N, C-alpha and C. Protein backbone atom coordinates (compact mmCIF):
# COMPACT_ATOMS: atom_id res chain seq x y z
N MET A 1 0.86 -1.12 -0.12
CA MET A 1 -0.11 -0.01 -0.04
C MET A 1 0.82 1.37 -0.05
N LYS A 2 0.59 2.16 -0.98
CA LYS A 2 1.43 3.50 -0.92
C LYS A 2 0.44 4.37 -0.22
N VAL A 3 -0.81 4.44 -0.22
CA VAL A 3 -1.49 5.55 0.36
C VAL A 3 -2.60 5.12 1.16
N LEU A 4 -2.97 5.92 2.34
CA LEU A 4 -4.13 5.58 3.19
C LEU A 4 -4.89 6.71 3.29
N MET A 5 -6.22 6.27 2.94
CA MET A 5 -7.26 7.28 2.97
C MET A 5 -8.15 7.24 4.24
N VAL A 6 -8.30 8.42 4.90
CA VAL A 6 -9.08 8.37 6.22
C VAL A 6 -9.98 9.23 6.36
N ASP A 7 -11.40 8.80 6.50
CA ASP A 7 -12.62 9.62 6.85
C ASP A 7 -12.30 10.34 7.90
N VAL A 8 -13.06 11.43 8.11
CA VAL A 8 -13.06 12.22 9.24
C VAL A 8 -14.09 12.03 10.39
N ASP A 9 -15.35 12.28 10.03
CA ASP A 9 -16.39 12.26 11.22
C ASP A 9 -16.65 10.86 11.37
N GLY A 10 -16.67 10.45 12.76
CA GLY A 10 -16.85 9.08 13.11
C GLY A 10 -15.60 8.34 13.08
N VAL A 11 -14.54 8.73 12.54
CA VAL A 11 -13.19 7.96 12.53
C VAL A 11 -12.19 9.04 13.40
N LEU A 12 -11.96 9.96 12.80
CA LEU A 12 -10.92 11.06 13.54
C LEU A 12 -11.52 12.01 14.49
N ILE A 13 -12.75 12.39 14.19
CA ILE A 13 -13.61 13.35 15.03
C ILE A 13 -14.71 12.83 15.66
N HIS A 14 -14.92 12.82 16.78
CA HIS A 14 -16.09 12.42 17.62
C HIS A 14 -16.79 13.53 18.49
N GLY A 15 -17.44 14.33 17.95
CA GLY A 15 -18.29 15.35 18.91
C GLY A 15 -17.58 16.32 19.51
N ARG A 16 -18.10 16.86 20.55
CA ARG A 16 -17.70 17.93 21.34
C ARG A 16 -16.46 17.63 22.22
N PRO A 17 -15.45 18.67 21.94
CA PRO A 17 -14.22 18.38 22.59
C PRO A 17 -14.21 18.21 24.09
N THR A 18 -15.00 18.63 24.75
CA THR A 18 -15.13 18.48 26.09
C THR A 18 -15.87 17.10 26.69
N ASP A 19 -16.70 16.55 25.79
CA ASP A 19 -17.15 15.24 26.40
C ASP A 19 -17.60 14.27 25.40
N GLY A 20 -17.43 14.57 24.06
CA GLY A 20 -17.60 13.51 22.98
C GLY A 20 -19.02 13.55 22.62
N LEU A 21 -19.99 14.40 23.24
CA LEU A 21 -21.40 14.30 22.89
C LEU A 21 -21.61 14.84 21.44
N PRO A 22 -22.83 14.38 20.69
CA PRO A 22 -22.98 15.05 19.47
C PRO A 22 -22.87 16.48 19.53
N HIS A 23 -22.55 17.20 18.39
CA HIS A 23 -22.13 18.68 18.63
C HIS A 23 -23.34 19.57 18.61
N PHE A 24 -24.49 19.13 18.42
CA PHE A 24 -25.66 19.94 18.61
C PHE A 24 -26.50 19.62 19.93
N THR A 25 -25.96 18.88 20.62
CA THR A 25 -26.61 18.24 21.86
C THR A 25 -27.28 19.64 22.77
N TYR A 26 -26.47 20.54 22.85
CA TYR A 26 -26.92 21.75 23.74
C TYR A 26 -27.24 22.90 22.82
N LEU A 27 -27.70 22.71 21.52
CA LEU A 27 -28.01 23.83 20.56
C LEU A 27 -28.96 24.70 21.10
N GLU A 28 -30.11 24.28 21.50
CA GLU A 28 -31.30 24.88 21.96
C GLU A 28 -30.98 25.86 23.33
N ARG A 29 -30.19 25.21 24.14
CA ARG A 29 -29.82 25.89 25.31
C ARG A 29 -28.84 27.00 25.07
N ASP A 30 -27.86 26.77 24.31
CA ASP A 30 -26.93 27.67 24.11
C ASP A 30 -27.05 28.85 22.96
N LEU A 31 -27.84 28.43 21.84
CA LEU A 31 -28.19 29.26 20.88
C LEU A 31 -29.73 29.58 20.49
N GLY A 32 -30.69 28.93 21.35
CA GLY A 32 -32.08 29.11 21.10
C GLY A 32 -32.66 28.50 19.86
N LEU A 33 -31.98 27.36 19.44
CA LEU A 33 -32.51 26.91 18.14
C LEU A 33 -32.76 25.27 18.28
N ARG A 34 -33.83 24.57 17.93
CA ARG A 34 -34.18 23.40 18.13
C ARG A 34 -33.30 22.45 17.09
N PRO A 35 -32.51 21.61 17.41
CA PRO A 35 -31.80 20.85 16.44
C PRO A 35 -32.66 20.18 15.42
N GLU A 36 -33.72 19.74 15.74
CA GLU A 36 -34.68 19.07 15.06
C GLU A 36 -35.21 19.92 13.92
N LEU A 37 -35.39 21.16 14.27
CA LEU A 37 -35.98 22.24 13.26
C LEU A 37 -34.63 22.57 12.37
N LEU A 38 -33.58 22.71 12.86
CA LEU A 38 -32.40 22.84 11.86
C LEU A 38 -32.13 21.75 10.88
N GLN A 39 -32.56 20.49 11.57
CA GLN A 39 -32.17 19.39 10.57
C GLN A 39 -33.23 19.36 9.59
N GLN A 40 -34.60 19.57 9.81
CA GLN A 40 -35.51 19.54 8.94
C GLN A 40 -35.42 20.72 7.80
N ALA A 41 -35.24 21.98 8.36
CA ALA A 41 -35.28 23.20 7.44
C ALA A 41 -34.00 23.33 6.59
N PHE A 42 -32.90 22.77 7.04
CA PHE A 42 -31.61 23.04 6.63
C PHE A 42 -30.90 21.76 5.97
N PHE A 43 -30.60 20.77 6.91
CA PHE A 43 -29.85 19.78 6.44
C PHE A 43 -30.69 18.88 5.66
N GLN A 44 -31.97 18.48 5.82
CA GLN A 44 -32.74 17.50 5.01
C GLN A 44 -32.98 18.30 3.60
N THR A 45 -33.14 19.54 3.74
CA THR A 45 -33.44 20.33 2.37
C THR A 45 -32.34 20.77 1.54
N HIS A 46 -31.28 21.26 2.19
CA HIS A 46 -30.15 21.74 1.37
C HIS A 46 -28.85 21.28 1.48
N TRP A 47 -28.55 20.28 2.39
CA TRP A 47 -27.28 19.72 2.71
C TRP A 47 -26.72 19.11 1.42
N GLY A 48 -27.76 18.26 0.73
CA GLY A 48 -27.11 17.47 -0.36
C GLY A 48 -26.45 18.37 -1.41
N ASP A 49 -26.94 19.55 -1.64
CA ASP A 49 -26.40 20.33 -2.62
C ASP A 49 -25.10 20.87 -2.08
N ILE A 50 -25.02 21.47 -0.84
CA ILE A 50 -23.94 21.95 -0.23
C ILE A 50 -22.74 21.10 -0.16
N ILE A 51 -22.87 19.84 0.15
CA ILE A 51 -21.81 18.96 0.45
C ILE A 51 -21.07 18.54 -0.84
N ILE A 52 -21.73 18.78 -2.02
CA ILE A 52 -21.03 18.58 -3.39
C ILE A 52 -20.65 19.83 -3.97
N GLY A 53 -20.74 21.04 -3.24
CA GLY A 53 -20.43 22.34 -3.87
C GLY A 53 -21.19 22.98 -4.73
N ARG A 54 -22.45 22.63 -4.81
CA ARG A 54 -23.42 23.24 -5.67
C ARG A 54 -24.06 24.58 -5.10
N GLU A 55 -24.13 24.72 -3.66
CA GLU A 55 -24.41 25.77 -3.00
C GLU A 55 -23.45 26.11 -2.09
N ALA A 56 -23.36 27.37 -1.75
CA ALA A 56 -22.25 27.78 -0.58
C ALA A 56 -22.94 27.61 0.96
N LEU A 57 -22.32 27.27 1.87
CA LEU A 57 -22.98 27.21 3.14
C LEU A 57 -23.37 28.15 3.77
N GLU A 58 -22.60 29.37 3.98
CA GLU A 58 -23.18 30.52 4.75
C GLU A 58 -24.42 31.17 4.24
N PRO A 59 -24.55 31.40 2.76
CA PRO A 59 -25.68 32.16 2.46
C PRO A 59 -26.87 31.48 2.46
N ARG A 60 -26.65 30.13 2.26
CA ARG A 60 -27.84 29.24 2.31
C ARG A 60 -28.44 29.08 3.68
N LEU A 61 -27.56 28.96 4.68
CA LEU A 61 -27.76 28.89 6.05
C LEU A 61 -28.38 30.12 6.54
N ALA A 62 -27.81 31.34 6.03
CA ALA A 62 -28.32 32.60 6.47
C ALA A 62 -29.81 32.82 6.12
N SER A 63 -30.30 32.41 4.80
CA SER A 63 -31.52 32.45 4.53
C SER A 63 -32.43 31.57 5.22
N VAL A 64 -32.07 30.39 5.62
CA VAL A 64 -33.00 29.48 6.44
C VAL A 64 -33.09 30.01 7.70
N LEU A 65 -32.05 30.64 8.32
CA LEU A 65 -32.23 31.02 9.80
C LEU A 65 -33.10 32.26 9.96
N THR A 66 -33.25 33.01 8.74
CA THR A 66 -34.07 34.29 8.70
C THR A 66 -35.56 33.74 8.87
N ASP A 67 -35.77 32.52 8.54
CA ASP A 67 -37.18 32.02 8.70
C ASP A 67 -37.29 31.23 10.13
N ILE A 68 -36.42 30.52 10.49
CA ILE A 68 -36.50 29.50 11.74
C ILE A 68 -35.88 30.25 13.04
N ALA A 69 -35.01 31.05 12.70
CA ALA A 69 -34.28 31.62 14.02
C ALA A 69 -33.59 32.97 13.62
N PRO A 70 -34.62 33.99 13.49
CA PRO A 70 -34.11 35.36 13.03
C PRO A 70 -33.03 35.99 13.99
N HIS A 71 -33.09 35.49 15.22
CA HIS A 71 -32.24 36.03 16.32
C HIS A 71 -30.68 35.69 16.06
N LEU A 72 -30.47 34.56 15.27
CA LEU A 72 -29.23 34.03 15.16
C LEU A 72 -28.57 34.18 13.74
N ASN A 73 -27.34 34.60 13.70
CA ASN A 73 -26.75 34.80 12.31
C ASN A 73 -25.93 33.60 12.09
N ALA A 74 -25.62 33.33 10.60
CA ALA A 74 -25.18 32.18 10.28
C ALA A 74 -23.65 31.92 10.73
N THR A 75 -22.97 33.06 10.80
CA THR A 75 -21.60 32.84 11.21
C THR A 75 -21.39 32.49 12.60
N ALA A 76 -22.43 32.90 13.42
CA ALA A 76 -22.25 32.55 14.85
C ALA A 76 -22.47 30.86 14.99
N LEU A 77 -23.66 30.33 14.13
CA LEU A 77 -24.08 29.11 14.16
C LEU A 77 -23.01 28.12 13.70
N ILE A 78 -22.30 28.60 12.61
CA ILE A 78 -21.20 27.93 11.94
C ILE A 78 -20.00 27.75 12.69
N ASP A 79 -19.62 28.75 13.50
CA ASP A 79 -18.49 28.78 14.58
C ASP A 79 -18.75 27.68 15.63
N TYR A 80 -20.09 27.92 16.08
CA TYR A 80 -20.59 26.73 17.18
C TYR A 80 -20.45 25.33 16.81
N TRP A 81 -20.99 25.31 15.51
CA TRP A 81 -20.95 23.99 14.92
C TRP A 81 -19.68 23.42 14.79
N PHE A 82 -18.69 24.08 14.14
CA PHE A 82 -17.31 23.61 13.98
C PHE A 82 -16.60 23.42 15.21
N GLU A 83 -16.70 24.31 16.28
CA GLU A 83 -16.10 24.16 17.42
C GLU A 83 -16.35 23.03 18.24
N ASN A 84 -17.75 22.75 18.17
CA ASN A 84 -18.34 21.59 19.06
C ASN A 84 -18.47 20.30 18.14
N ASP A 85 -17.75 20.34 17.03
CA ASP A 85 -17.59 19.07 16.24
C ASP A 85 -16.12 18.70 15.76
N SER A 86 -15.17 18.83 16.78
CA SER A 86 -13.75 18.85 16.78
C SER A 86 -12.96 18.06 17.60
N ARG A 87 -13.51 17.03 18.19
CA ARG A 87 -12.78 16.22 19.36
C ARG A 87 -12.04 15.16 18.31
N LEU A 88 -10.81 15.34 18.47
CA LEU A 88 -9.90 14.36 17.81
C LEU A 88 -9.47 13.06 18.62
N ASP A 89 -9.31 12.09 17.78
CA ASP A 89 -8.84 10.92 18.32
C ASP A 89 -7.26 10.93 18.21
N ARG A 90 -6.68 11.22 19.29
CA ARG A 90 -5.16 11.53 19.52
C ARG A 90 -4.41 10.12 19.25
N ASN A 91 -5.03 9.05 19.85
CA ASN A 91 -4.39 7.77 19.56
C ASN A 91 -4.40 7.32 18.22
N LEU A 92 -5.42 7.61 17.58
CA LEU A 92 -5.28 7.35 16.03
C LEU A 92 -4.26 8.15 15.27
N LEU A 93 -4.26 9.63 15.65
CA LEU A 93 -3.39 10.42 15.08
C LEU A 93 -1.87 9.94 15.31
N GLU A 94 -1.60 9.54 16.58
CA GLU A 94 -0.38 9.10 16.75
C GLU A 94 0.04 7.69 15.86
N GLU A 95 -0.93 6.86 15.68
CA GLU A 95 -0.61 5.72 14.93
C GLU A 95 -0.25 6.19 13.43
N LEU A 96 -1.17 7.07 12.94
CA LEU A 96 -1.05 7.56 11.65
C LEU A 96 0.27 8.27 11.36
N GLY A 97 0.63 8.99 12.46
CA GLY A 97 1.98 9.62 12.34
C GLY A 97 3.14 8.69 12.10
N ALA A 98 3.19 7.59 12.85
CA ALA A 98 4.19 6.62 12.63
C ALA A 98 4.10 5.97 11.30
N LEU A 99 2.90 5.64 10.82
CA LEU A 99 2.72 5.09 9.49
C LEU A 99 3.28 6.20 8.39
N ARG A 100 3.14 7.49 8.53
CA ARG A 100 3.38 8.49 7.51
C ARG A 100 4.93 8.52 7.53
N GLN A 101 5.56 8.42 8.74
CA GLN A 101 7.08 8.48 8.78
C GLN A 101 7.80 7.30 8.03
N SER A 102 6.79 6.27 7.89
CA SER A 102 7.37 4.88 7.26
C SER A 102 7.40 5.13 5.81
N GLY A 103 6.69 6.21 5.45
CA GLY A 103 6.68 6.47 3.84
C GLY A 103 5.27 6.45 3.29
N VAL A 104 4.35 6.16 4.03
CA VAL A 104 2.94 5.90 3.52
C VAL A 104 2.34 7.48 3.31
N THR A 105 1.60 7.62 2.11
CA THR A 105 1.05 9.04 2.08
C THR A 105 -0.28 9.08 2.78
N LEU A 106 -0.58 10.03 3.59
CA LEU A 106 -1.94 10.12 4.04
C LEU A 106 -2.88 11.23 3.63
N PHE A 107 -4.10 10.79 3.20
CA PHE A 107 -5.04 11.88 2.85
C PHE A 107 -6.32 11.66 3.69
N LEU A 108 -6.92 12.88 4.06
CA LEU A 108 -8.19 12.81 4.39
C LEU A 108 -9.26 12.68 3.21
N ALA A 109 -10.12 11.72 3.15
CA ALA A 109 -11.12 11.45 2.09
C ALA A 109 -12.37 11.59 2.82
N THR A 110 -13.15 12.72 2.47
CA THR A 110 -14.21 13.01 3.45
C THR A 110 -15.30 13.79 2.71
N ASN A 111 -16.56 13.53 3.13
CA ASN A 111 -17.78 14.43 2.55
C ASN A 111 -17.81 15.69 3.42
N GLN A 112 -17.20 16.81 2.88
CA GLN A 112 -17.22 18.18 3.64
C GLN A 112 -17.55 19.23 2.60
N GLU A 113 -17.97 20.39 3.08
CA GLU A 113 -18.18 21.51 2.27
C GLU A 113 -16.91 22.34 2.54
N HIS A 114 -16.62 23.40 1.59
CA HIS A 114 -15.41 24.10 1.60
C HIS A 114 -14.95 24.61 2.94
N ARG A 115 -15.96 25.34 3.78
CA ARG A 115 -15.46 26.05 4.85
C ARG A 115 -15.04 25.02 5.98
N ARG A 116 -15.79 24.08 6.20
CA ARG A 116 -15.18 23.03 7.25
C ARG A 116 -14.09 22.40 6.80
N ALA A 117 -14.00 21.98 5.37
CA ALA A 117 -12.54 21.59 5.07
C ALA A 117 -11.26 22.37 5.44
N ARG A 118 -11.64 23.64 5.27
CA ARG A 118 -10.39 24.62 5.70
C ARG A 118 -10.25 24.62 7.16
N TYR A 119 -11.41 24.49 7.82
CA TYR A 119 -11.28 24.47 9.16
C TYR A 119 -10.57 23.33 9.67
N LEU A 120 -10.89 22.11 9.22
CA LEU A 120 -10.15 20.95 9.67
C LEU A 120 -8.82 20.93 9.42
N MET A 121 -8.28 21.38 8.42
CA MET A 121 -6.81 21.57 8.06
C MET A 121 -6.16 22.69 8.78
N GLU A 122 -6.84 23.86 8.94
CA GLU A 122 -6.26 24.94 9.57
C GLU A 122 -6.39 24.90 10.93
N ARG A 123 -7.52 25.20 11.56
CA ARG A 123 -7.93 25.40 12.96
C ARG A 123 -7.83 24.07 13.80
N ALA A 124 -8.46 22.99 13.24
CA ALA A 124 -8.51 21.66 13.92
C ALA A 124 -6.94 21.27 13.80
N GLY A 125 -6.08 21.52 12.99
CA GLY A 125 -4.65 21.19 12.80
C GLY A 125 -4.50 19.86 12.07
N LEU A 126 -5.34 19.44 11.37
CA LEU A 126 -4.93 18.19 10.52
C LEU A 126 -4.01 18.13 9.47
N GLY A 127 -3.96 19.52 9.09
CA GLY A 127 -2.86 19.85 8.07
C GLY A 127 -1.55 19.47 8.32
N ALA A 128 -1.23 19.48 9.61
CA ALA A 128 0.08 19.00 10.04
C ALA A 128 0.32 17.38 10.05
N HIS A 129 -0.87 16.77 10.00
CA HIS A 129 -0.76 15.28 10.10
C HIS A 129 -1.00 14.62 8.74
N PHE A 130 -1.60 15.17 7.74
CA PHE A 130 -2.00 14.61 6.39
C PHE A 130 -1.31 15.43 5.41
N ASP A 131 -1.12 14.73 4.19
CA ASP A 131 -0.48 15.20 3.08
C ASP A 131 -1.43 16.22 2.33
N ASP A 132 -2.81 15.85 2.33
CA ASP A 132 -3.81 16.62 1.78
C ASP A 132 -5.15 16.21 2.20
N ILE A 133 -6.10 17.03 1.88
CA ILE A 133 -7.45 16.82 2.14
C ILE A 133 -8.22 16.50 0.71
N ILE A 134 -8.97 15.38 0.56
CA ILE A 134 -9.91 15.35 -0.68
C ILE A 134 -11.25 15.14 -0.37
N TYR A 135 -11.91 16.28 -0.76
CA TYR A 135 -13.35 16.15 0.00
C TYR A 135 -14.64 16.42 -1.16
N SER A 136 -15.76 16.22 -0.83
CA SER A 136 -16.83 16.15 -1.64
C SER A 136 -17.12 17.46 -2.52
N ALA A 137 -17.19 18.57 -1.65
CA ALA A 137 -17.49 19.92 -2.36
C ALA A 137 -16.45 20.17 -3.52
N ALA A 138 -15.21 19.76 -3.18
CA ALA A 138 -14.17 20.16 -4.29
C ALA A 138 -14.25 19.33 -5.47
N LEU A 139 -14.68 18.05 -5.20
CA LEU A 139 -14.72 17.13 -6.36
C LEU A 139 -16.19 17.08 -7.10
N GLY A 140 -17.07 17.66 -6.40
CA GLY A 140 -18.49 17.68 -7.09
C GLY A 140 -19.22 16.36 -6.84
N HIS A 141 -18.61 15.32 -6.00
CA HIS A 141 -19.29 14.09 -5.83
C HIS A 141 -18.97 13.80 -4.35
N SER A 142 -20.00 13.00 -3.79
CA SER A 142 -19.95 12.68 -2.50
C SER A 142 -19.75 11.06 -2.16
N LYS A 143 -19.18 10.60 -1.15
CA LYS A 143 -19.27 9.36 -0.90
C LYS A 143 -20.69 8.75 -0.54
N PRO A 144 -21.25 7.53 -0.95
CA PRO A 144 -20.43 6.54 -1.60
C PRO A 144 -20.48 6.51 -3.21
N SER A 145 -20.48 7.77 -3.88
CA SER A 145 -20.60 7.74 -5.37
C SER A 145 -19.43 7.24 -5.98
N PRO A 146 -19.45 6.41 -6.82
CA PRO A 146 -18.26 5.73 -7.69
C PRO A 146 -17.35 7.05 -8.08
N ASP A 147 -18.09 8.07 -8.48
CA ASP A 147 -17.07 9.19 -8.96
C ASP A 147 -16.28 9.73 -7.88
N PHE A 148 -16.69 9.69 -6.62
CA PHE A 148 -15.90 10.14 -5.51
C PHE A 148 -14.62 9.47 -5.53
N PHE A 149 -14.79 8.05 -5.46
CA PHE A 149 -13.39 7.30 -5.59
C PHE A 149 -12.68 7.50 -6.87
N ARG A 150 -13.21 7.50 -7.86
CA ARG A 150 -12.28 7.53 -9.14
C ARG A 150 -11.66 9.00 -9.11
N LEU A 151 -12.33 10.08 -8.88
CA LEU A 151 -11.71 11.21 -8.66
C LEU A 151 -10.58 11.34 -7.63
N THR A 152 -10.82 10.65 -6.52
CA THR A 152 -9.96 10.62 -5.43
C THR A 152 -8.85 9.87 -5.73
N THR A 153 -8.89 8.82 -6.61
CA THR A 153 -7.74 7.97 -6.98
C THR A 153 -6.94 8.72 -7.70
N GLU A 154 -7.49 9.44 -8.87
CA GLU A 154 -6.76 10.41 -9.75
C GLU A 154 -6.02 11.35 -9.00
N ARG A 155 -6.56 11.98 -7.96
CA ARG A 155 -5.91 13.19 -7.26
C ARG A 155 -4.66 12.39 -6.50
N ALA A 156 -4.83 11.23 -5.93
CA ALA A 156 -3.55 10.47 -5.22
C ALA A 156 -2.60 10.26 -6.32
N GLY A 157 -2.81 9.92 -7.40
CA GLY A 157 -1.68 9.65 -8.41
C GLY A 157 -1.11 8.08 -8.35
N VAL A 158 -2.12 7.32 -7.82
CA VAL A 158 -1.68 5.84 -7.72
C VAL A 158 -2.74 5.00 -8.33
N GLN A 159 -2.58 3.79 -8.31
CA GLN A 159 -3.53 2.92 -8.72
C GLN A 159 -4.54 2.37 -7.63
N PRO A 160 -5.89 2.13 -7.95
CA PRO A 160 -6.81 1.78 -6.80
C PRO A 160 -6.28 0.81 -5.95
N GLU A 161 -5.62 -0.38 -6.43
CA GLU A 161 -5.19 -1.38 -5.43
C GLU A 161 -3.91 -0.98 -4.52
N GLU A 162 -3.42 0.26 -4.74
CA GLU A 162 -2.50 0.72 -3.92
C GLU A 162 -3.11 1.61 -2.79
N ILE A 163 -4.24 1.75 -2.62
CA ILE A 163 -4.83 2.52 -1.60
C ILE A 163 -5.64 1.90 -0.59
N ALA A 164 -5.40 2.03 0.58
CA ALA A 164 -6.26 1.51 1.75
C ALA A 164 -7.01 2.75 2.32
N PHE A 165 -8.18 2.27 3.08
CA PHE A 165 -9.28 3.30 3.21
C PHE A 165 -9.86 2.90 4.56
N ILE A 166 -10.15 3.69 5.60
CA ILE A 166 -10.86 3.51 6.68
C ILE A 166 -11.96 4.47 6.78
N ASP A 167 -13.16 3.85 7.04
CA ASP A 167 -14.39 4.83 7.20
C ASP A 167 -15.23 4.12 8.08
N ASP A 168 -16.11 4.91 8.77
CA ASP A 168 -17.18 4.33 9.69
C ASP A 168 -18.42 3.78 9.03
N MET A 169 -18.70 4.28 7.79
CA MET A 169 -19.94 3.89 7.13
C MET A 169 -19.66 2.70 6.23
N ALA A 170 -20.68 1.80 6.42
CA ALA A 170 -20.58 0.50 5.57
C ALA A 170 -20.79 0.76 4.19
N ALA A 171 -21.63 1.65 3.75
CA ALA A 171 -21.79 2.01 2.29
C ALA A 171 -20.49 2.47 1.64
N ASN A 172 -19.85 3.44 2.36
CA ASN A 172 -18.62 3.96 1.83
C ASN A 172 -17.46 3.03 1.74
N VAL A 173 -17.48 2.13 2.64
CA VAL A 173 -16.47 1.00 2.59
C VAL A 173 -16.83 -0.12 1.52
N GLU A 174 -18.00 -0.32 1.37
CA GLU A 174 -18.56 -1.14 0.21
C GLU A 174 -18.16 -0.66 -1.17
N ALA A 175 -18.54 0.66 -1.43
CA ALA A 175 -18.28 1.37 -2.55
C ALA A 175 -16.55 1.49 -2.89
N ALA A 176 -15.94 1.67 -1.99
CA ALA A 176 -14.55 1.72 -2.09
C ALA A 176 -13.98 0.41 -2.46
N GLY A 177 -14.41 -0.57 -1.86
CA GLY A 177 -13.95 -2.02 -2.08
C GLY A 177 -14.40 -2.46 -3.61
N GLN A 178 -15.50 -1.95 -4.05
CA GLN A 178 -16.05 -2.14 -5.35
C GLN A 178 -15.06 -1.50 -6.45
N PHE A 179 -14.47 -0.41 -6.03
CA PHE A 179 -13.41 0.40 -6.82
C PHE A 179 -12.11 -0.05 -6.81
N GLY A 180 -11.86 -0.99 -6.10
CA GLY A 180 -10.51 -1.66 -5.98
C GLY A 180 -9.65 -1.29 -4.77
N TRP A 181 -10.27 -0.34 -3.95
CA TRP A 181 -9.50 0.06 -2.57
C TRP A 181 -9.55 -1.08 -1.59
N HIS A 182 -8.59 -1.22 -0.64
CA HIS A 182 -8.47 -1.96 0.42
C HIS A 182 -9.25 -1.36 1.49
N ALA A 183 -10.58 -1.50 1.61
CA ALA A 183 -11.39 -0.72 2.53
C ALA A 183 -11.72 -1.43 3.73
N VAL A 184 -11.71 -0.71 4.84
CA VAL A 184 -12.14 -1.48 6.20
C VAL A 184 -13.11 -0.40 6.89
N GLN A 185 -14.14 -0.97 7.50
CA GLN A 185 -14.95 -0.28 8.27
C GLN A 185 -14.43 -0.05 9.73
N TRP A 186 -14.23 1.14 10.09
CA TRP A 186 -13.79 1.52 11.39
C TRP A 186 -14.91 1.56 12.39
N THR A 187 -14.50 1.15 13.66
CA THR A 187 -15.49 1.12 14.74
C THR A 187 -14.70 1.70 16.07
N ALA A 188 -15.58 2.16 16.83
CA ALA A 188 -15.13 2.93 18.02
C ALA A 188 -14.08 1.97 18.81
N GLY A 189 -13.06 2.48 19.23
CA GLY A 189 -12.05 1.76 19.94
C GLY A 189 -11.14 0.98 19.07
N ALA A 190 -11.20 1.03 17.82
CA ALA A 190 -10.36 0.10 16.90
C ALA A 190 -9.01 0.91 17.03
N THR A 191 -7.87 0.00 16.51
CA THR A 191 -6.65 0.63 16.24
C THR A 191 -6.26 0.11 14.84
N LEU A 192 -5.31 1.22 14.25
CA LEU A 192 -5.01 1.05 12.83
C LEU A 192 -4.20 -0.40 12.82
N ALA A 193 -3.55 -0.83 13.76
CA ALA A 193 -2.65 -2.08 13.44
C ALA A 193 -3.78 -3.24 13.28
N ARG A 194 -4.81 -3.08 14.11
CA ARG A 194 -5.80 -4.21 14.01
C ARG A 194 -6.74 -4.07 12.94
N ALA A 195 -7.22 -2.89 12.39
CA ALA A 195 -8.01 -2.56 11.31
C ALA A 195 -7.28 -3.12 10.04
N LEU A 196 -6.01 -2.63 9.97
CA LEU A 196 -5.34 -2.77 8.64
C LEU A 196 -3.94 -3.37 8.90
N PRO A 197 -3.86 -4.72 9.08
CA PRO A 197 -2.63 -5.35 9.71
C PRO A 197 -1.56 -5.25 8.65
N ILE A 198 -2.05 -4.97 7.29
CA ILE A 198 -0.96 -4.86 6.24
C ILE A 198 -0.03 -3.83 6.50
N PHE A 199 -0.42 -2.82 7.27
CA PHE A 199 0.49 -1.63 7.51
C PHE A 199 1.32 -1.86 8.85
N THR A 200 1.22 -3.14 9.62
CA THR A 200 1.75 -3.24 11.06
C THR A 200 3.29 -3.16 10.70
N LYS A 201 3.77 -3.85 9.81
CA LYS A 201 5.29 -4.03 9.69
C LYS A 201 5.91 -2.80 9.24
N TRP A 202 5.12 -1.72 8.79
CA TRP A 202 5.65 -0.45 8.34
C TRP A 202 5.60 0.71 9.28
N ALA A 203 4.60 0.47 10.29
CA ALA A 203 4.45 1.50 11.34
C ALA A 203 5.56 1.30 12.41
């Protein structure tokens, strides 16, 4: 294997930094907006286009908030969201660091919109641990679409069989495997050595 692709949410990041709870657990208490209302009015309606780059996050969210939470501006909600969805798995990062030192190229392969992709690499610090981020809004396709895996492979500059991949979603793992990647479903408490023993001798 020359390349390891790593999913973000559910693999590297697990909720709130303080306690690991889902990021919108206290949204109503903190910002006066019910999570289920945000889910219905924004995520169920607009997120599909945002995550593949057809719509921009902030203006679309601002428009929705005008109707469902006029007291709240989009920037404040985005900041709250990103900051509360940033608990890093330090043990996994340590394992990945050893693997990278052995010569394996590390990419984030993730469904993200542009703004959070930048946040992950810069503010969350993942840019120091990975060679690059390949994400859905930049590609115009999201996992588990075959086009996501095709374009990501092209960006990596290697053959599909030279790529390993960890993701917490079974559908993404299955699609990656069908494209020729060595894909493994990540579960809570897993270690890289157990999930991908092919890398054990390298780390």
